[in-house]
PDB file of all heavy atoms in Angstrom:
ATOM      1  N   ALA A   1     -31.342-101.354   6.304  1.00  0.00           N
ATOM      2  CA  ALA A   1     -31.820-100.521   5.210  1.00  0.00           C
ATOM      3  C   ALA A   1     -33.345-100.645   5.118  1.00  0.00           C
ATOM      4  O   ALA A   1     -33.918-101.640   5.587  1.00  0.00           O
ATOM      5  CB  ALA A   1     -31.170-100.949   3.901  1.00  0.00           C
ATOM      6  N   PRO A   2     -34.006 -99.669   4.504  1.00  0.00           N
ATOM      7  CA  PRO A   2     -35.473 -99.728   4.388  1.00  0.00           C
ATOM      8  C   PRO A   2     -35.929-101.016   3.710  1.00  0.00           C
ATOM      9  O   PRO A   2     -35.411-101.396   2.655  1.00  0.00           O
ATOM     10  CB  PRO A   2     -35.792 -98.502   3.531  1.00  0.00           C
ATOM     11  CG  PRO A   2     -34.678 -97.558   3.783  1.00  0.00           C
ATOM     12  CD  PRO A   2     -33.459 -98.421   3.968  1.00  0.00           C
ATOM     13  N   GLY A   3     -36.870-101.703   4.327  1.00  0.00           N
ATOM     14  CA  GLY A   3     -37.422-102.922   3.755  1.00  0.00           C
ATOM     15  C   GLY A   3     -36.547-104.146   3.889  1.00  0.00           C
ATOM     16  O   GLY A   3     -36.872-105.204   3.343  1.00  0.00           O
ATOM     17  N   LYS A   4     -35.433-104.013   4.602  1.00  0.00           N
ATOM     18  CA  LYS A   4     -34.519-105.150   4.755  1.00  0.00           C
ATOM     19  C   LYS A   4     -34.321-105.488   6.226  1.00  0.00           C
ATOM     20  O   LYS A   4     -34.596-104.677   7.110  1.00  0.00           O
ATOM     21  CB  LYS A   4     -33.173-104.840   4.106  1.00  0.00           C
ATOM     22  CG  LYS A   4     -33.244-104.676   2.602  1.00  0.00           C
ATOM     23  CD  LYS A   4     -31.855-104.553   2.007  1.00  0.00           C
ATOM     24  CE  LYS A   4     -31.906-104.466   0.498  1.00  0.00           C
ATOM     25  NZ  LYS A   4     -30.538-104.376  -0.099  1.00  0.00           N
ATOM     26  N   GLN A   5     -33.804-106.685   6.474  1.00  0.00           N
ATOM     27  CA  GLN A   5     -33.510-107.097   7.838  1.00  0.00           C
ATOM     28  C   GLN A   5     -32.212-106.451   8.317  1.00  0.00           C
ATOM     29  O   GLN A   5     -31.342-106.085   7.518  1.00  0.00           O
ATOM     30  CB  GLN A   5     -33.395-108.618   7.910  1.00  0.00           C
ATOM     31  CG  GLN A   5     -34.708-109.351   7.708  1.00  0.00           C
ATOM     32  CD  GLN A   5     -34.583-110.840   7.983  1.00  0.00           C
ATOM     33  OE1 GLN A   5     -33.520-111.419   7.835  1.00  0.00           O
ATOM     34  NE2 GLN A   5     -35.677-111.449   8.403  1.00  0.00           N
ATOM     35  N   ARG A   6     -32.111-106.330   9.625  1.00  0.00           N
ATOM     36  CA  ARG A   6     -30.868-105.826  10.203  1.00  0.00           C
ATOM     37  C   ARG A   6     -29.756-106.822   9.917  1.00  0.00           C
ATOM     38  O   ARG A   6     -29.941-108.042  10.034  1.00  0.00           O
ATOM     39  CB  ARG A   6     -31.044-105.622  11.705  1.00  0.00           C
ATOM     40  CG  ARG A   6     -29.911-104.867  12.368  1.00  0.00           C
ATOM     41  CD  ARG A   6     -30.233-104.542  13.816  1.00  0.00           C
ATOM     42  NE  ARG A   6     -31.390-103.664  13.926  1.00  0.00           N
ATOM     43  CZ  ARG A   6     -31.782-103.116  15.083  1.00  0.00           C
ATOM     44  NH1 ARG A   6     -31.093-103.348  16.205  1.00  0.00           N
ATOM     45  NH2 ARG A   6     -32.848-102.346  15.117  1.00  0.00           N
ATOM     46  N   GLU A   7     -28.576-106.290   9.548  1.00  0.00           N
ATOM     47  CA  GLU A   7     -27.466-107.163   9.191  1.00  0.00           C
ATOM     48  C   GLU A   7     -26.185-106.756   9.922  1.00  0.00           C
ATOM     49  O   GLU A   7     -25.986-105.585  10.257  1.00  0.00           O
ATOM     50  CB  GLU A   7     -27.216-107.151   7.681  1.00  0.00           C
ATOM     51  CG  GLU A   7     -26.800-105.811   7.117  1.00  0.00           C
ATOM     52  CD  GLU A   7     -26.482-105.871   5.616  1.00  0.00           C
ATOM     53  OE1 GLU A   7     -26.746-106.906   4.984  1.00  0.00           O
ATOM     54  OE2 GLU A   7     -25.962-104.866   5.098  1.00  0.00           O
ATOM     55  N   PHE A   8     -25.334-107.729  10.097  1.00  0.00           N
ATOM     56  CA  PHE A   8     -24.045-107.525  10.745  1.00  0.00           C
ATOM     57  C   PHE A   8     -23.122-106.715   9.833  1.00  0.00           C
ATOM     58  O   PHE A   8     -23.081-106.947   8.617  1.00  0.00           O
ATOM     59  CB  PHE A   8     -23.425-108.884  11.054  1.00  0.00           C
ATOM     60  CG  PHE A   8     -21.988-108.839  11.479  1.00  0.00           C
ATOM     61  CD1 PHE A   8     -21.643-108.448  12.763  1.00  0.00           C
ATOM     62  CD2 PHE A   8     -20.972-109.196  10.594  1.00  0.00           C
ATOM     63  CE1 PHE A   8     -20.329-108.414  13.170  1.00  0.00           C
ATOM     64  CE2 PHE A   8     -19.651-109.169  10.985  1.00  0.00           C
ATOM     65  CZ  PHE A   8     -19.324-108.776  12.274  1.00  0.00           C
ATOM     66  N   VAL A   9     -22.377-105.776  10.429  1.00  0.00           N
ATOM     67  CA  VAL A   9     -21.387-105.001   9.686  1.00  0.00           C
ATOM     68  C   VAL A   9     -19.970-105.352  10.168  1.00  0.00           C
ATOM     69  O   VAL A   9     -19.121-105.761   9.377  1.00  0.00           O
ATOM     70  CB  VAL A   9     -21.633-103.493   9.840  1.00  0.00           C
ATOM     71  CG1 VAL A   9     -20.529-102.693   9.149  1.00  0.00           C
ATOM     72  CG2 VAL A   9     -22.994-103.109   9.284  1.00  0.00           C
ATOM     73  N   ALA A  10     -19.727-105.176  11.451  1.00  0.00           N
ATOM     74  CA  ALA A  10     -18.408-105.439  12.006  1.00  0.00           C
ATOM     75  C   ALA A  10     -18.502-105.502  13.518  1.00  0.00           C
ATOM     76  O   ALA A  10     -19.424-104.924  14.112  1.00  0.00           O
ATOM     77  CB  ALA A  10     -17.414-104.338  11.602  1.00  0.00           C
ATOM     78  N   ASP A  11     -17.547-106.231  14.134  1.00  0.00           N
ATOM     79  CA  ASP A  11     -17.450-106.179  15.580  1.00  0.00           C
ATOM     80  C   ASP A  11     -16.010-106.328  16.028  1.00  0.00           C
ATOM     81  O   ASP A  11     -15.120-106.657  15.235  1.00  0.00           O
ATOM     82  CB  ASP A  11     -18.394-107.172  16.277  1.00  0.00           C
ATOM     83  CG  ASP A  11     -18.048-108.630  16.018  1.00  0.00           C
ATOM     84  OD1 ASP A  11     -16.904-108.933  15.619  1.00  0.00           O
ATOM     85  OD2 ASP A  11     -18.943-109.482  16.228  1.00  0.00           O
ATOM     86  N   ILE A  12     -15.800-106.048  17.312  1.00  0.00           N
ATOM     87  CA  ILE A  12     -14.451-106.075  17.872  1.00  0.00           C
ATOM     88  C   ILE A  12     -14.547-106.529  19.323  1.00  0.00           C
ATOM     89  O   ILE A  12     -15.388-106.054  20.085  1.00  0.00           O
ATOM     90  CB  ILE A  12     -13.773-104.691  17.742  1.00  0.00           C
ATOM     91  CG1 ILE A  12     -12.338-104.724  18.256  1.00  0.00           C
ATOM     92  CG2 ILE A  12     -14.586-103.596  18.428  1.00  0.00           C
ATOM     93  CD1 ILE A  12     -11.527-103.479  17.884  1.00  0.00           C
ATOM     94  N   THR A  13     -13.688-107.459  19.703  1.00  0.00           N
ATOM     95  CA  THR A  13     -13.665-107.944  21.070  1.00  0.00           C
ATOM     96  C   THR A  13     -12.891-106.972  21.961  1.00  0.00           C
ATOM     97  O   THR A  13     -12.209-106.066  21.473  1.00  0.00           O
ATOM     98  CB  THR A  13     -13.012-109.328  21.152  1.00  0.00           C
ATOM     99  OG1 THR A  13     -11.628-109.199  20.807  1.00  0.00           O
ATOM    100  CG2 THR A  13     -13.677-110.315  20.198  1.00  0.00           C
ATOM    101  N   SER A  14     -12.976-107.186  23.256  1.00  0.00           N
ATOM    102  CA  SER A  14     -12.297-106.296  24.191  1.00  0.00           C
ATOM    103  C   SER A  14     -10.768-106.407  24.073  1.00  0.00           C
ATOM    104  O   SER A  14     -10.053-105.506  24.496  1.00  0.00           O
ATOM    105  CB  SER A  14     -12.737-106.576  25.626  1.00  0.00           C
ATOM    106  OG  SER A  14     -12.685-107.948  25.919  1.00  0.00           O
ATOM    107  N   ASN A  15     -10.277-107.500  23.462  1.00  0.00           N
ATOM    108  CA  ASN A  15      -8.828-107.606  23.243  1.00  0.00           C
ATOM    109  C   ASN A  15      -8.427-107.272  21.807  1.00  0.00           C
ATOM    110  O   ASN A  15      -7.299-107.522  21.390  1.00  0.00           O
ATOM    111  CB  ASN A  15      -8.298-108.974  23.654  1.00  0.00           C
ATOM    112  CG  ASN A  15      -8.906-110.113  22.859  1.00  0.00           C
ATOM    113  OD1 ASN A  15      -9.633-109.877  21.901  1.00  0.00           O
ATOM    114  ND2 ASN A  15      -8.623-111.335  23.254  1.00  0.00           N
ATOM    115  N   GLY A  16      -9.378-106.737  21.029  1.00  0.00           N
ATOM    116  CA  GLY A  16      -9.033-106.177  19.729  1.00  0.00           C
ATOM    117  C   GLY A  16      -9.229-107.061  18.510  1.00  0.00           C
ATOM    118  O   GLY A  16      -8.870-106.660  17.399  1.00  0.00           O
ATOM    119  N   ARG A  17      -9.791-108.234  18.666  1.00  0.00           N
ATOM    120  CA  ARG A  17     -10.027-109.079  17.502  1.00  0.00           C
ATOM    121  C   ARG A  17     -11.245-108.564  16.739  1.00  0.00           C
ATOM    122  O   ARG A  17     -12.290-108.314  17.327  1.00  0.00           O
ATOM    123  CB  ARG A  17     -10.256-110.529  17.926  1.00  0.00           C
ATOM    124  CG  ARG A  17     -10.300-111.499  16.755  1.00  0.00           C
ATOM    125  CD  ARG A  17     -10.419-112.928  17.215  1.00  0.00           C
ATOM    126  NE  ARG A  17     -11.731-113.175  17.802  1.00  0.00           N
ATOM    127  CZ  ARG A  17     -11.899-113.719  18.990  1.00  0.00           C
ATOM    128  NH1 ARG A  17     -10.867-114.048  19.729  1.00  0.00           N
ATOM    129  NH2 ARG A  17     -13.121-113.914  19.452  1.00  0.00           N
ATOM    130  N   THR A  18     -11.092-108.448  15.426  1.00  0.00           N
ATOM    131  CA  THR A  18     -12.148-107.854  14.604  1.00  0.00           C
ATOM    132  C   THR A  18     -12.757-108.855  13.631  1.00  0.00           C
ATOM    133  O   THR A  18     -12.108-109.825  13.217  1.00  0.00           O
ATOM    134  CB  THR A  18     -11.612-106.657  13.807  1.00  0.00           C
ATOM    135  OG1 THR A  18     -10.546-107.094  12.956  1.00  0.00           O
ATOM    136  CG2 THR A  18     -11.085-105.563  14.732  1.00  0.00           C
ATOM    137  N   SER A  19     -14.001-108.593  13.253  1.00  0.00           N
ATOM    138  CA  SER A  19     -14.691-109.360  12.217  1.00  0.00           C
ATOM    139  C   SER A  19     -15.476-108.387  11.357  1.00  0.00           C
ATOM    140  O   SER A  19     -15.968-107.376  11.864  1.00  0.00           O
ATOM    141  CB  SER A  19     -15.667-110.376  12.840  1.00  0.00           C
ATOM    142  OG  SER A  19     -15.002-111.318  13.630  1.00  0.00           O
ATOM    143  N   TYR A  20     -15.594-108.710  10.065  1.00  0.00           N
ATOM    144  CA  TYR A  20     -16.292-107.829   9.131  1.00  0.00           C
ATOM    145  C   TYR A  20     -17.216-108.627   8.218  1.00  0.00           C
ATOM    146  O   TYR A  20     -16.912-109.766   7.858  1.00  0.00           O
ATOM    147  CB  TYR A  20     -15.291-107.080   8.244  1.00  0.00           C
ATOM    148  CG  TYR A  20     -14.408-106.111   8.971  1.00  0.00           C
ATOM    149  CD1 TYR A  20     -13.150-106.491   9.428  1.00  0.00           C
ATOM    150  CD2 TYR A  20     -14.823-104.799   9.199  1.00  0.00           C
ATOM    151  CE1 TYR A  20     -12.328-105.592  10.103  1.00  0.00           C
ATOM    152  CE2 TYR A  20     -14.009-103.897   9.873  1.00  0.00           C
ATOM    153  CZ  TYR A  20     -12.769-104.301  10.321  1.00  0.00           C
ATOM    154  OH  TYR A  20     -11.962-103.412  10.989  1.00  0.00           O
ATOM    155  N   ALA A  21     -18.288-107.992   7.818  1.00  0.00           N
ATOM    156  CA  ALA A  21     -19.104-108.552   6.756  1.00  0.00           C
ATOM    157  C   ALA A  21     -18.332-108.438   5.449  1.00  0.00           C
ATOM    158  O   ALA A  21     -17.554-107.494   5.244  1.00  0.00           O
ATOM    159  CB  ALA A  21     -20.421-107.780   6.649  1.00  0.00           C
ATOM    160  N   ASP A  22     -18.540-109.401   4.548  1.00  0.00           N
ATOM    161  CA  ASP A  22     -17.808-109.376   3.275  1.00  0.00           C
ATOM    162  C   ASP A  22     -18.074-108.091   2.495  1.00  0.00           C
ATOM    163  O   ASP A  22     -17.193-107.592   1.785  1.00  0.00           O
ATOM    164  CB  ASP A  22     -18.226-110.576   2.430  1.00  0.00           C
ATOM    165  CG  ASP A  22     -17.670-111.887   2.961  1.00  0.00           C
ATOM    166  OD1 ASP A  22     -16.717-111.848   3.765  1.00  0.00           O
ATOM    167  OD2 ASP A  22     -18.187-112.951   2.568  1.00  0.00           O
ATOM    168  N   SER A  23     -19.264-107.549   2.626  1.00  0.00           N
ATOM    169  CA  SER A  23     -19.649-106.376   1.851  1.00  0.00           C
ATOM    170  C   SER A  23     -18.886-105.111   2.246  1.00  0.00           C
ATOM    171  O   SER A  23     -18.878-104.136   1.483  1.00  0.00           O
ATOM    172  CB  SER A  23     -21.149-106.122   1.993  1.00  0.00           C
ATOM    173  OG  SER A  23     -21.489-105.917   3.352  1.00  0.00           O
ATOM    174  N   VAL A  24     -18.244-105.118   3.417  1.00  0.00           N
ATOM    175  CA  VAL A  24     -17.544-103.911   3.862  1.00  0.00           C
ATOM    176  C   VAL A  24     -16.042-104.123   4.032  1.00  0.00           C
ATOM    177  O   VAL A  24     -15.310-103.172   4.330  1.00  0.00           O
ATOM    178  CB  VAL A  24     -18.143-103.363   5.175  1.00  0.00           C
ATOM    179  CG1 VAL A  24     -19.643-103.153   5.035  1.00  0.00           C
ATOM    180  CG2 VAL A  24     -17.828-104.260   6.364  1.00  0.00           C
ATOM    181  N   LYS A  25     -15.573-105.353   3.850  1.00  0.00           N
ATOM    182  CA  LYS A  25     -14.141-105.629   4.018  1.00  0.00           C
ATOM    183  C   LYS A  25     -13.313-104.758   3.079  1.00  0.00           C
ATOM    184  O   LYS A  25     -13.626-104.626   1.892  1.00  0.00           O
ATOM    185  CB  LYS A  25     -13.858-107.101   3.743  1.00  0.00           C
ATOM    186  CG  LYS A  25     -14.176-108.020   4.902  1.00  0.00           C
ATOM    187  CD  LYS A  25     -13.829-109.465   4.561  1.00  0.00           C
ATOM    188  CE  LYS A  25     -14.183-110.384   5.721  1.00  0.00           C
ATOM    189  NZ  LYS A  25     -13.934-111.811   5.391  1.00  0.00           N
TER     190      LYS A  25
END
């Protein structure tokens, strides 16, 4: 976001395991 650092949102491994930031869960 403007004026903020880049932050993690979500990711997924090649076998389908997912992770999310608390703000978007």
